[in-house]
Amino acid sequence: MGPHARSRPLLPDGTSGTFGRPGGVGRRAALLGLAALAGCGFELRREPELAFKTLALTGFAPESPLAAGLKRQIRRTPVQLVDDPARAQVVLEALHEHRDRTVVASTSVGQVREWQLRLGFDYLIRTADGELLAPKVELRLARDMNYTETTALAKEQEAASLYNAMQSDAIAQVMRRLAAVTVRAPG
């Protein structure tokens, strides 16, 4: 080193510079990023606002995971769930709900290498009198999953996780559809 050269201390990762120091470039970049998010109107997703006071869910199987998830989401809103569809302003009627899996790829000896998991949900939204508020919706979701027999237990857990993700997506779509419903005032 020459007489005027300065040595820079090494950071824990072995590099030199101000990127890791307090007040360095990294900290400034993080603060600028936060300021940009605040200035662009970013906000966390909120529950959809529903324009009715009572809702009934009909047509679901007794142990339907989709119905249970919808009930949980609706309880987070001011809307009251009622058991009797005749007393509800809005009725969400399940017409068909199914989960299945099909083989997408297999080996020459017939071993499965990839599954396609599917969730289907057909429903309509109506008033207690039968007036359609939203036409029949055919919701179809699918996810592909690779598969090997040696990890069958882990793959079953992955399949359950993928079905849960599809169910959450389906519930979010139904909630957005319910938020778009307008009910005429009685009278």
N, C-alpha and C. Protein backbone atom coordinates (compact mmCIF):
# COMPACT_ATOMS: atom_id res chain seq x y z
N MET A 1 0.84 -1.17 0.00
CA MET A 1 0.00 0.00 0.00
C MET A 1 0.88 1.23 0.00
N GLY A 2 0.45 2.24 -0.74
CA GLY A 2 1.19 3.48 -0.79
C GLY A 2 0.91 4.33 0.43
N PRO A 3 1.60 5.44 0.58
CA PRO A 3 1.45 6.27 1.77
C PRO A 3 0.07 6.93 1.86
N HIS A 4 -0.60 7.13 0.74
CA HIS A 4 -1.91 7.80 0.79
C HIS A 4 -3.08 6.84 0.65
N ALA A 5 -2.84 5.57 0.54
CA ALA A 5 -3.92 4.59 0.40
C ALA A 5 -4.56 4.34 1.75
N ARG A 6 -5.88 4.21 1.71
CA ARG A 6 -6.62 3.93 2.95
C ARG A 6 -7.13 2.50 2.88
N SER A 7 -7.10 1.85 3.98
CA SER A 7 -7.65 0.50 4.00
C SER A 7 -9.11 0.59 4.44
N ARG A 8 -9.91 -0.25 3.83
CA ARG A 8 -11.33 -0.31 4.21
C ARG A 8 -11.54 -1.58 5.01
N PRO A 9 -12.29 -1.48 6.07
CA PRO A 9 -12.55 -2.70 6.85
C PRO A 9 -13.42 -3.66 6.03
N LEU A 10 -13.20 -4.93 6.20
CA LEU A 10 -14.01 -5.93 5.53
C LEU A 10 -15.28 -6.18 6.33
N LEU A 11 -16.35 -6.35 5.59
CA LEU A 11 -17.63 -6.68 6.20
C LEU A 11 -17.67 -8.17 6.52
N PRO A 12 -18.63 -8.62 7.32
CA PRO A 12 -18.68 -10.04 7.69
C PRO A 12 -18.72 -10.99 6.50
N ASP A 13 -19.26 -10.54 5.35
CA ASP A 13 -19.31 -11.41 4.19
C ASP A 13 -18.03 -11.36 3.37
N GLY A 14 -17.02 -10.62 3.83
CA GLY A 14 -15.74 -10.56 3.17
C GLY A 14 -15.60 -9.46 2.14
N THR A 15 -16.64 -8.66 1.95
CA THR A 15 -16.58 -7.57 0.97
C THR A 15 -16.27 -6.28 1.70
N SER A 16 -15.90 -5.28 0.92
CA SER A 16 -15.68 -3.96 1.51
C SER A 16 -16.69 -3.01 0.91
N GLY A 17 -16.93 -1.91 1.54
CA GLY A 17 -17.85 -0.92 1.01
C GLY A 17 -18.85 -0.51 2.05
N THR A 18 -19.81 0.31 1.61
CA THR A 18 -20.77 0.87 2.56
C THR A 18 -22.13 0.19 2.48
N PHE A 19 -22.26 -0.85 1.63
CA PHE A 19 -23.57 -1.45 1.46
C PHE A 19 -24.11 -2.08 2.73
N GLY A 20 -23.28 -2.63 3.57
CA GLY A 20 -23.76 -3.29 4.77
C GLY A 20 -23.70 -2.43 6.01
N ARG A 21 -23.14 -1.26 5.91
CA ARG A 21 -23.01 -0.41 7.09
C ARG A 21 -24.29 0.34 7.37
N PRO A 22 -24.58 0.60 8.65
CA PRO A 22 -25.75 1.43 8.96
C PRO A 22 -25.61 2.78 8.27
N GLY A 23 -26.67 3.22 7.62
CA GLY A 23 -26.64 4.49 6.92
C GLY A 23 -26.05 4.37 5.53
N GLY A 24 -25.68 3.14 5.12
CA GLY A 24 -25.08 2.94 3.81
C GLY A 24 -26.12 2.90 2.71
N VAL A 25 -25.70 2.50 1.52
CA VAL A 25 -26.56 2.50 0.34
C VAL A 25 -27.74 1.55 0.52
N GLY A 26 -27.53 0.40 1.14
CA GLY A 26 -28.62 -0.56 1.32
C GLY A 26 -29.77 0.00 2.14
N ARG A 27 -29.45 0.70 3.18
CA ARG A 27 -30.48 1.29 4.05
C ARG A 27 -31.23 2.38 3.29
N ARG A 28 -30.49 3.19 2.54
CA ARG A 28 -31.14 4.25 1.75
C ARG A 28 -32.08 3.66 0.70
N ALA A 29 -31.64 2.59 0.06
CA ALA A 29 -32.48 1.96 -0.96
C ALA A 29 -33.76 1.41 -0.34
N ALA A 30 -33.64 0.82 0.85
CA ALA A 30 -34.83 0.29 1.53
C ALA A 30 -35.79 1.42 1.89
N LEU A 31 -35.27 2.52 2.37
CA LEU A 31 -36.14 3.66 2.72
C LEU A 31 -36.80 4.25 1.49
N LEU A 32 -36.05 4.33 0.38
CA LEU A 32 -36.65 4.84 -0.86
C LEU A 32 -37.75 3.90 -1.35
N GLY A 33 -37.53 2.58 -1.21
CA GLY A 33 -38.55 1.60 -1.61
C GLY A 33 -39.82 1.75 -0.80
N LEU A 34 -39.68 1.93 0.50
CA LEU A 34 -40.85 2.11 1.36
C LEU A 34 -41.60 3.40 1.02
N ALA A 35 -40.84 4.46 0.73
CA ALA A 35 -41.47 5.72 0.36
C ALA A 35 -42.22 5.59 -0.96
N ALA A 36 -41.66 4.84 -1.90
CA ALA A 36 -42.33 4.64 -3.19
C ALA A 36 -43.62 3.86 -3.01
N LEU A 37 -43.62 2.83 -2.15
CA LEU A 37 -44.84 2.06 -1.90
C LEU A 37 -45.92 2.94 -1.26
N ALA A 38 -45.52 3.76 -0.33
CA ALA A 38 -46.49 4.63 0.34
C ALA A 38 -47.06 5.64 -0.63
N GLY A 39 -46.26 6.11 -1.57
CA GLY A 39 -46.71 7.14 -2.50
C GLY A 39 -47.53 6.61 -3.66
N CYS A 40 -47.49 5.30 -3.95
CA CYS A 40 -48.18 4.78 -5.12
C CYS A 40 -49.60 4.33 -4.81
N GLY A 41 -50.04 4.43 -3.57
CA GLY A 41 -51.39 4.03 -3.21
C GLY A 41 -51.50 2.57 -2.83
N PHE A 42 -50.40 1.91 -2.58
CA PHE A 42 -50.41 0.51 -2.17
C PHE A 42 -51.14 0.33 -0.86
N GLU A 43 -52.01 -0.65 -0.80
CA GLU A 43 -52.65 -1.01 0.47
C GLU A 43 -52.94 -2.49 0.45
N LEU A 44 -53.03 -3.09 1.61
CA LEU A 44 -53.31 -4.51 1.72
C LEU A 44 -54.73 -4.80 1.25
N ARG A 45 -54.93 -6.03 0.73
CA ARG A 45 -56.25 -6.43 0.26
C ARG A 45 -57.21 -6.49 1.44
N ARG A 46 -58.39 -5.93 1.25
CA ARG A 46 -59.41 -5.97 2.29
C ARG A 46 -60.52 -6.93 1.89
N GLU A 47 -61.35 -7.26 2.86
CA GLU A 47 -62.50 -8.10 2.56
C GLU A 47 -63.44 -7.32 1.65
N PRO A 48 -64.06 -7.99 0.68
CA PRO A 48 -65.02 -7.29 -0.19
C PRO A 48 -66.20 -6.78 0.63
N GLU A 49 -66.74 -5.64 0.24
CA GLU A 49 -67.90 -5.09 0.92
C GLU A 49 -69.16 -5.60 0.23
N LEU A 50 -70.01 -6.24 0.99
CA LEU A 50 -71.23 -6.83 0.45
C LEU A 50 -72.40 -5.87 0.67
N ALA A 51 -73.25 -5.73 -0.35
CA ALA A 51 -74.33 -4.74 -0.32
C ALA A 51 -75.66 -5.33 0.16
N PHE A 52 -75.61 -6.33 0.99
CA PHE A 52 -76.83 -6.93 1.54
C PHE A 52 -76.55 -7.33 2.97
N LYS A 53 -77.61 -7.64 3.71
CA LYS A 53 -77.47 -7.88 5.14
C LYS A 53 -77.54 -9.36 5.53
N THR A 54 -78.25 -10.18 4.76
CA THR A 54 -78.40 -11.59 5.10
C THR A 54 -78.10 -12.47 3.89
N LEU A 55 -77.53 -13.64 4.16
CA LEU A 55 -77.15 -14.58 3.11
C LEU A 55 -77.41 -15.99 3.58
N ALA A 56 -77.91 -16.83 2.67
CA ALA A 56 -78.09 -18.25 2.94
C ALA A 56 -77.27 -19.05 1.94
N LEU A 57 -76.64 -20.11 2.41
CA LEU A 57 -75.90 -21.03 1.55
C LEU A 57 -76.72 -22.30 1.43
N THR A 58 -77.05 -22.70 0.21
CA THR A 58 -77.86 -23.91 0.01
C THR A 58 -77.19 -24.81 -1.03
N GLY A 59 -77.57 -26.09 -1.00
CA GLY A 59 -77.12 -27.04 -2.00
C GLY A 59 -75.76 -27.66 -1.74
N PHE A 60 -75.10 -27.30 -0.67
CA PHE A 60 -73.78 -27.85 -0.38
C PHE A 60 -73.91 -29.21 0.30
N ALA A 61 -72.94 -30.08 0.09
CA ALA A 61 -72.88 -31.35 0.80
C ALA A 61 -72.67 -31.06 2.29
N PRO A 62 -73.12 -31.95 3.18
CA PRO A 62 -73.03 -31.69 4.62
C PRO A 62 -71.63 -31.35 5.12
N GLU A 63 -70.60 -31.99 4.63
CA GLU A 63 -69.23 -31.75 5.11
C GLU A 63 -68.39 -31.03 4.06
N SER A 64 -68.99 -30.17 3.28
CA SER A 64 -68.29 -29.49 2.19
C SER A 64 -67.22 -28.54 2.73
N PRO A 65 -65.94 -28.76 2.35
CA PRO A 65 -64.90 -27.84 2.78
C PRO A 65 -65.07 -26.45 2.16
N LEU A 66 -65.65 -26.39 0.98
CA LEU A 66 -65.88 -25.10 0.33
C LEU A 66 -66.93 -24.30 1.09
N ALA A 67 -68.00 -24.96 1.54
CA ALA A 67 -69.03 -24.28 2.33
C ALA A 67 -68.44 -23.79 3.65
N ALA A 68 -67.61 -24.61 4.29
CA ALA A 68 -66.99 -24.20 5.56
C ALA A 68 -66.10 -22.98 5.36
N GLY A 69 -65.33 -22.97 4.28
CA GLY A 69 -64.47 -21.83 3.98
C GLY A 69 -65.26 -20.57 3.67
N LEU A 70 -66.35 -20.73 2.92
CA LEU A 70 -67.21 -19.57 2.62
C LEU A 70 -67.83 -19.01 3.89
N LYS A 71 -68.28 -19.89 4.77
CA LYS A 71 -68.86 -19.42 6.04
C LYS A 71 -67.84 -18.63 6.86
N ARG A 72 -66.60 -19.14 6.90
CA ARG A 72 -65.54 -18.41 7.62
C ARG A 72 -65.33 -17.02 7.02
N GLN A 73 -65.28 -16.93 5.70
CA GLN A 73 -65.07 -15.63 5.05
C GLN A 73 -66.25 -14.69 5.29
N ILE A 74 -67.43 -15.20 5.22
CA ILE A 74 -68.62 -14.35 5.37
C ILE A 74 -68.74 -13.86 6.81
N ARG A 75 -68.32 -14.68 7.76
CA ARG A 75 -68.36 -14.24 9.17
C ARG A 75 -67.41 -13.08 9.44
N ARG A 76 -66.46 -12.84 8.55
CA ARG A 76 -65.53 -11.72 8.69
C ARG A 76 -66.15 -10.42 8.17
N THR A 77 -67.36 -10.50 7.62
CA THR A 77 -68.07 -9.33 7.11
C THR A 77 -69.26 -9.05 8.01
N PRO A 78 -69.93 -7.92 7.82
CA PRO A 78 -71.14 -7.63 8.62
C PRO A 78 -72.37 -8.45 8.21
N VAL A 79 -72.28 -9.21 7.14
CA VAL A 79 -73.42 -9.99 6.65
C VAL A 79 -73.71 -11.14 7.60
N GLN A 80 -75.02 -11.35 7.85
CA GLN A 80 -75.45 -12.42 8.75
C GLN A 80 -75.82 -13.65 7.93
N LEU A 81 -75.28 -14.80 8.30
CA LEU A 81 -75.64 -16.07 7.65
C LEU A 81 -76.93 -16.58 8.28
N VAL A 82 -77.88 -16.97 7.45
CA VAL A 82 -79.15 -17.53 7.94
C VAL A 82 -79.32 -18.93 7.35
N ASP A 83 -79.96 -19.80 8.12
CA ASP A 83 -80.17 -21.17 7.66
C ASP A 83 -81.35 -21.29 6.71
N ASP A 84 -82.36 -20.44 6.89
CA ASP A 84 -83.58 -20.51 6.09
C ASP A 84 -83.44 -19.59 4.87
N PRO A 85 -83.35 -20.16 3.66
CA PRO A 85 -83.21 -19.33 2.47
C PRO A 85 -84.37 -18.34 2.26
N ALA A 86 -85.54 -18.66 2.80
CA ALA A 86 -86.70 -17.77 2.64
C ALA A 86 -86.52 -16.47 3.42
N ARG A 87 -85.62 -16.47 4.42
CA ARG A 87 -85.40 -15.26 5.23
C ARG A 87 -84.17 -14.47 4.79
N ALA A 88 -83.50 -14.91 3.73
CA ALA A 88 -82.26 -14.27 3.28
C ALA A 88 -82.53 -13.31 2.12
N GLN A 89 -81.80 -12.20 2.12
CA GLN A 89 -81.87 -11.29 0.98
C GLN A 89 -81.22 -11.93 -0.24
N VAL A 90 -80.12 -12.65 0.00
CA VAL A 90 -79.36 -13.28 -1.08
C VAL A 90 -79.14 -14.75 -0.73
N VAL A 91 -79.28 -15.60 -1.75
CA VAL A 91 -79.05 -17.03 -1.59
C VAL A 91 -77.95 -17.45 -2.57
N LEU A 92 -76.91 -18.07 -2.03
CA LEU A 92 -75.87 -18.65 -2.88
C LEU A 92 -76.18 -20.14 -2.95
N GLU A 93 -76.56 -20.59 -4.13
CA GLU A 93 -77.00 -21.97 -4.30
C GLU A 93 -75.92 -22.77 -5.03
N ALA A 94 -75.37 -23.76 -4.35
CA ALA A 94 -74.38 -24.65 -4.96
C ALA A 94 -75.12 -25.65 -5.83
N LEU A 95 -74.72 -25.74 -7.09
CA LEU A 95 -75.34 -26.68 -8.01
C LEU A 95 -74.51 -27.95 -8.16
N HIS A 96 -73.19 -27.78 -8.14
CA HIS A 96 -72.29 -28.93 -8.30
C HIS A 96 -70.92 -28.55 -7.75
N GLU A 97 -70.36 -29.44 -6.95
CA GLU A 97 -69.03 -29.22 -6.38
C GLU A 97 -68.28 -30.54 -6.47
N HIS A 98 -67.09 -30.50 -7.06
CA HIS A 98 -66.32 -31.74 -7.16
C HIS A 98 -64.82 -31.48 -7.18
N ARG A 99 -64.10 -32.51 -6.74
CA ARG A 99 -62.63 -32.54 -6.79
C ARG A 99 -62.26 -33.84 -7.48
N ASP A 100 -61.27 -33.77 -8.36
CA ASP A 100 -60.78 -35.01 -8.96
C ASP A 100 -59.35 -34.83 -9.41
N ARG A 101 -58.76 -35.94 -9.83
CA ARG A 101 -57.40 -35.90 -10.36
C ARG A 101 -57.32 -36.84 -11.55
N THR A 102 -56.56 -36.41 -12.54
CA THR A 102 -56.37 -37.24 -13.72
C THR A 102 -54.87 -37.33 -14.01
N VAL A 103 -54.49 -38.41 -14.66
CA VAL A 103 -53.09 -38.61 -15.03
C VAL A 103 -52.80 -37.74 -16.25
N VAL A 104 -51.73 -36.96 -16.16
CA VAL A 104 -51.31 -36.12 -17.27
C VAL A 104 -50.14 -36.78 -18.00
N ALA A 105 -49.24 -37.40 -17.25
CA ALA A 105 -48.08 -38.05 -17.86
C ALA A 105 -47.76 -39.33 -17.11
N SER A 106 -47.36 -40.37 -17.87
CA SER A 106 -46.96 -41.63 -17.25
C SER A 106 -45.79 -42.21 -18.04
N THR A 107 -45.09 -43.16 -17.42
CA THR A 107 -43.96 -43.80 -18.08
C THR A 107 -44.46 -44.88 -19.03
N SER A 108 -43.56 -45.48 -19.77
CA SER A 108 -43.93 -46.54 -20.72
C SER A 108 -44.45 -47.79 -20.01
N VAL A 109 -44.12 -47.94 -18.72
CA VAL A 109 -44.63 -49.09 -17.97
C VAL A 109 -45.85 -48.73 -17.12
N GLY A 110 -46.39 -47.54 -17.33
CA GLY A 110 -47.63 -47.17 -16.67
C GLY A 110 -47.49 -46.48 -15.32
N GLN A 111 -46.28 -46.11 -14.92
CA GLN A 111 -46.12 -45.41 -13.65
C GLN A 111 -46.49 -43.94 -13.85
N VAL A 112 -47.28 -43.42 -12.94
CA VAL A 112 -47.72 -42.04 -13.03
C VAL A 112 -46.55 -41.10 -12.74
N ARG A 113 -46.39 -40.08 -13.57
CA ARG A 113 -45.33 -39.08 -13.37
C ARG A 113 -45.91 -37.70 -13.09
N GLU A 114 -47.15 -37.47 -13.53
CA GLU A 114 -47.75 -36.16 -13.29
C GLU A 114 -49.26 -36.29 -13.21
N TRP A 115 -49.83 -35.62 -12.22
CA TRP A 115 -51.28 -35.56 -12.02
C TRP A 115 -51.77 -34.15 -12.33
N GLN A 116 -53.02 -34.05 -12.70
CA GLN A 116 -53.68 -32.75 -12.73
C GLN A 116 -54.81 -32.82 -11.70
N LEU A 117 -54.74 -31.93 -10.71
CA LEU A 117 -55.77 -31.85 -9.67
C LEU A 117 -56.77 -30.80 -10.12
N ARG A 118 -58.05 -31.12 -9.98
CA ARG A 118 -59.08 -30.18 -10.43
C ARG A 118 -60.14 -29.97 -9.36
N LEU A 119 -60.60 -28.74 -9.30
CA LEU A 119 -61.70 -28.38 -8.40
C LEU A 119 -62.75 -27.68 -9.27
N GLY A 120 -63.95 -28.14 -9.18
CA GLY A 120 -65.06 -27.54 -9.93
C GLY A 120 -66.16 -27.12 -8.98
N PHE A 121 -66.73 -25.95 -9.25
CA PHE A 121 -67.82 -25.46 -8.42
C PHE A 121 -68.77 -24.66 -9.30
N ASP A 122 -70.00 -25.16 -9.42
CA ASP A 122 -71.05 -24.47 -10.17
C ASP A 122 -72.04 -23.91 -9.16
N TYR A 123 -72.40 -22.65 -9.33
CA TYR A 123 -73.32 -22.03 -8.39
C TYR A 123 -74.07 -20.89 -9.08
N LEU A 124 -75.10 -20.44 -8.41
CA LEU A 124 -75.79 -19.23 -8.84
C LEU A 124 -76.16 -18.42 -7.62
N ILE A 125 -76.42 -17.16 -7.86
CA ILE A 125 -76.79 -16.25 -6.78
C ILE A 125 -78.17 -15.72 -7.11
N ARG A 126 -79.08 -15.86 -6.15
CA ARG A 126 -80.48 -15.46 -6.38
C ARG A 126 -81.06 -14.85 -5.13
N THR A 127 -82.26 -14.33 -5.27
CA THR A 127 -83.00 -13.85 -4.10
C THR A 127 -83.80 -15.02 -3.53
N ALA A 128 -84.42 -14.81 -2.39
CA ALA A 128 -85.25 -15.85 -1.78
C ALA A 128 -86.44 -16.19 -2.68
N ASP A 129 -86.89 -15.24 -3.50
CA ASP A 129 -88.02 -15.45 -4.42
C ASP A 129 -87.62 -16.16 -5.71
N GLY A 130 -86.32 -16.39 -5.90
CA GLY A 130 -85.86 -17.08 -7.09
C GLY A 130 -85.35 -16.18 -8.20
N GLU A 131 -85.36 -14.87 -8.00
CA GLU A 131 -84.85 -13.95 -9.02
C GLU A 131 -83.33 -14.06 -9.08
N LEU A 132 -82.81 -14.30 -10.28
CA LEU A 132 -81.36 -14.43 -10.44
C LEU A 132 -80.67 -13.08 -10.28
N LEU A 133 -79.69 -13.04 -9.40
CA LEU A 133 -78.86 -11.84 -9.22
C LEU A 133 -77.55 -11.98 -9.99
N ALA A 134 -77.13 -13.21 -10.22
CA ALA A 134 -75.96 -13.51 -11.04
C ALA A 134 -76.24 -14.84 -11.72
N PRO A 135 -75.98 -14.92 -13.02
CA PRO A 135 -76.26 -16.18 -13.73
C PRO A 135 -75.36 -17.31 -13.22
N LYS A 136 -75.67 -18.50 -13.66
CA LYS A 136 -74.90 -19.68 -13.25
C LYS A 136 -73.42 -19.45 -13.55
N VAL A 137 -72.60 -19.73 -12.56
CA VAL A 137 -71.15 -19.61 -12.70
C VAL A 137 -70.56 -21.02 -12.66
N GLU A 138 -69.71 -21.32 -13.62
CA GLU A 138 -69.00 -22.60 -13.65
C GLU A 138 -67.53 -22.29 -13.38
N LEU A 139 -67.13 -22.46 -12.14
CA LEU A 139 -65.77 -22.16 -11.71
C LEU A 139 -64.93 -23.42 -11.83
N ARG A 140 -63.84 -23.34 -12.59
CA ARG A 140 -62.95 -24.48 -12.78
C ARG A 140 -61.52 -24.07 -12.46
N LEU A 141 -60.89 -24.80 -11.56
CA LEU A 141 -59.50 -24.54 -11.19
C LEU A 141 -58.72 -25.84 -11.35
N ALA A 142 -57.45 -25.73 -11.75
CA ALA A 142 -56.62 -26.91 -11.94
C ALA A 142 -55.18 -26.59 -11.57
N ARG A 143 -54.49 -27.58 -11.05
CA ARG A 143 -53.08 -27.47 -10.72
C ARG A 143 -52.40 -28.78 -11.15
N ASP A 144 -51.21 -28.67 -11.72
CA ASP A 144 -50.43 -29.85 -12.09
C ASP A 144 -49.45 -30.18 -10.97
N MET A 145 -49.22 -31.47 -10.78
CA MET A 145 -48.32 -31.91 -9.72
C MET A 145 -47.52 -33.10 -10.23
N ASN A 146 -46.18 -33.02 -10.14
CA ASN A 146 -45.37 -34.18 -10.51
C ASN A 146 -45.48 -35.23 -9.41
N TYR A 147 -45.17 -36.48 -9.77
CA TYR A 147 -45.41 -37.57 -8.82
C TYR A 147 -44.36 -38.66 -8.98
N THR A 148 -43.93 -39.21 -7.87
CA THR A 148 -43.10 -40.42 -7.86
C THR A 148 -43.60 -41.31 -6.73
N GLU A 149 -43.57 -42.61 -6.98
CA GLU A 149 -44.06 -43.56 -5.98
C GLU A 149 -43.23 -43.55 -4.72
N THR A 150 -41.96 -43.21 -4.82
CA THR A 150 -41.07 -43.25 -3.65
C THR A 150 -41.41 -42.15 -2.64
N THR A 151 -42.10 -41.13 -3.07
CA THR A 151 -42.47 -40.04 -2.16
C THR A 151 -43.99 -39.90 -2.09
N ALA A 152 -44.69 -41.02 -2.09
CA ALA A 152 -46.15 -41.01 -2.16
C ALA A 152 -46.79 -40.25 -1.01
N LEU A 153 -46.31 -40.43 0.22
CA LEU A 153 -46.90 -39.74 1.37
C LEU A 153 -46.72 -38.23 1.25
N ALA A 154 -45.52 -37.81 0.90
CA ALA A 154 -45.27 -36.37 0.73
C ALA A 154 -46.11 -35.81 -0.40
N LYS A 155 -46.32 -36.57 -1.45
CA LYS A 155 -47.11 -36.11 -2.59
C LYS A 155 -48.59 -35.99 -2.23
N GLU A 156 -49.07 -36.86 -1.34
CA GLU A 156 -50.46 -36.74 -0.87
C GLU A 156 -50.62 -35.45 -0.07
N GLN A 157 -49.61 -35.12 0.74
CA GLN A 157 -49.65 -33.87 1.50
C GLN A 157 -49.58 -32.67 0.55
N GLU A 158 -48.77 -32.78 -0.50
CA GLU A 158 -48.69 -31.71 -1.49
C GLU A 158 -50.03 -31.55 -2.20
N ALA A 159 -50.68 -32.66 -2.53
CA ALA A 159 -51.99 -32.60 -3.19
C ALA A 159 -53.01 -31.91 -2.28
N ALA A 160 -53.00 -32.24 -1.00
CA ALA A 160 -53.92 -31.59 -0.05
C ALA A 160 -53.64 -30.10 0.01
N SER A 161 -52.39 -29.73 -0.01
CA SER A 161 -52.02 -28.31 0.01
C SER A 161 -52.48 -27.61 -1.26
N LEU A 162 -52.33 -28.27 -2.40
CA LEU A 162 -52.79 -27.67 -3.67
C LEU A 162 -54.31 -27.53 -3.70
N TYR A 163 -55.02 -28.54 -3.19
CA TYR A 163 -56.49 -28.43 -3.11
C TYR A 163 -56.90 -27.27 -2.20
N ASN A 164 -56.19 -27.11 -1.07
CA ASN A 164 -56.50 -25.99 -0.17
C ASN A 164 -56.26 -24.66 -0.86
N ALA A 165 -55.18 -24.56 -1.64
CA ALA A 165 -54.90 -23.32 -2.37
C ALA A 165 -55.98 -23.04 -3.40
N MET A 166 -56.43 -24.08 -4.11
CA MET A 166 -57.51 -23.90 -5.09
C MET A 166 -58.80 -23.49 -4.40
N GLN A 167 -59.07 -24.10 -3.25
CA GLN A 167 -60.27 -23.75 -2.50
C GLN A 167 -60.23 -22.29 -2.06
N SER A 168 -59.08 -21.83 -1.57
CA SER A 168 -58.95 -20.42 -1.18
C SER A 168 -59.17 -19.50 -2.37
N ASP A 169 -58.65 -19.87 -3.52
CA ASP A 169 -58.83 -19.09 -4.73
C ASP A 169 -60.32 -19.06 -5.12
N ALA A 170 -60.97 -20.21 -5.05
CA ALA A 170 -62.39 -20.28 -5.38
C ALA A 170 -63.22 -19.41 -4.44
N ILE A 171 -62.92 -19.46 -3.15
CA ILE A 171 -63.65 -18.66 -2.17
C ILE A 171 -63.46 -17.17 -2.45
N ALA A 172 -62.23 -16.77 -2.77
CA ALA A 172 -61.98 -15.37 -3.10
C ALA A 172 -62.78 -14.94 -4.32
N GLN A 173 -62.87 -15.81 -5.33
CA GLN A 173 -63.64 -15.47 -6.53
C GLN A 173 -65.13 -15.37 -6.22
N VAL A 174 -65.64 -16.27 -5.39
CA VAL A 174 -67.07 -16.21 -5.01
C VAL A 174 -67.34 -14.94 -4.21
N MET A 175 -66.44 -14.58 -3.31
CA MET A 175 -66.63 -13.36 -2.51
C MET A 175 -66.64 -12.12 -3.41
N ARG A 176 -65.77 -12.08 -4.41
CA ARG A 176 -65.78 -10.95 -5.35
C ARG A 176 -67.08 -10.90 -6.14
N ARG A 177 -67.60 -12.07 -6.50
CA ARG A 177 -68.87 -12.14 -7.23
C ARG A 177 -70.00 -11.65 -6.32
N LEU A 178 -69.99 -12.06 -5.06
CA LEU A 178 -71.01 -11.59 -4.11
C LEU A 178 -70.93 -10.08 -3.91
N ALA A 179 -69.72 -9.53 -3.93
CA ALA A 179 -69.54 -8.10 -3.75
C ALA A 179 -70.12 -7.31 -4.94
N ALA A 180 -70.22 -7.95 -6.10
CA ALA A 180 -70.75 -7.29 -7.29
C ALA A 180 -72.28 -7.33 -7.33
N VAL A 181 -72.90 -8.10 -6.44
CA VAL A 181 -74.36 -8.25 -6.42
C VAL A 181 -75.02 -7.02 -5.82
N THR A 182 -76.06 -6.54 -6.48
CA THR A 182 -76.87 -5.46 -5.92
C THR A 182 -78.28 -5.98 -5.72
N VAL A 183 -78.82 -5.65 -4.57
CA VAL A 183 -80.17 -6.10 -4.22
C VAL A 183 -81.09 -4.88 -4.21
N ARG A 184 -82.23 -5.04 -4.87
CA ARG A 184 -83.20 -3.95 -4.89
C ARG A 184 -83.84 -3.81 -3.51
N ALA A 185 -84.09 -2.57 -3.16
CA ALA A 185 -84.76 -2.31 -1.88
C ALA A 185 -86.21 -2.80 -1.97
N PRO A 186 -86.71 -3.41 -0.89
CA PRO A 186 -88.11 -3.88 -0.90
C PRO A 186 -89.07 -2.70 -0.99
N GLY A 187 -90.17 -2.96 -1.68
CA GLY A 187 -91.18 -1.92 -1.71
C GLY A 187 -91.47 -1.52 -3.06
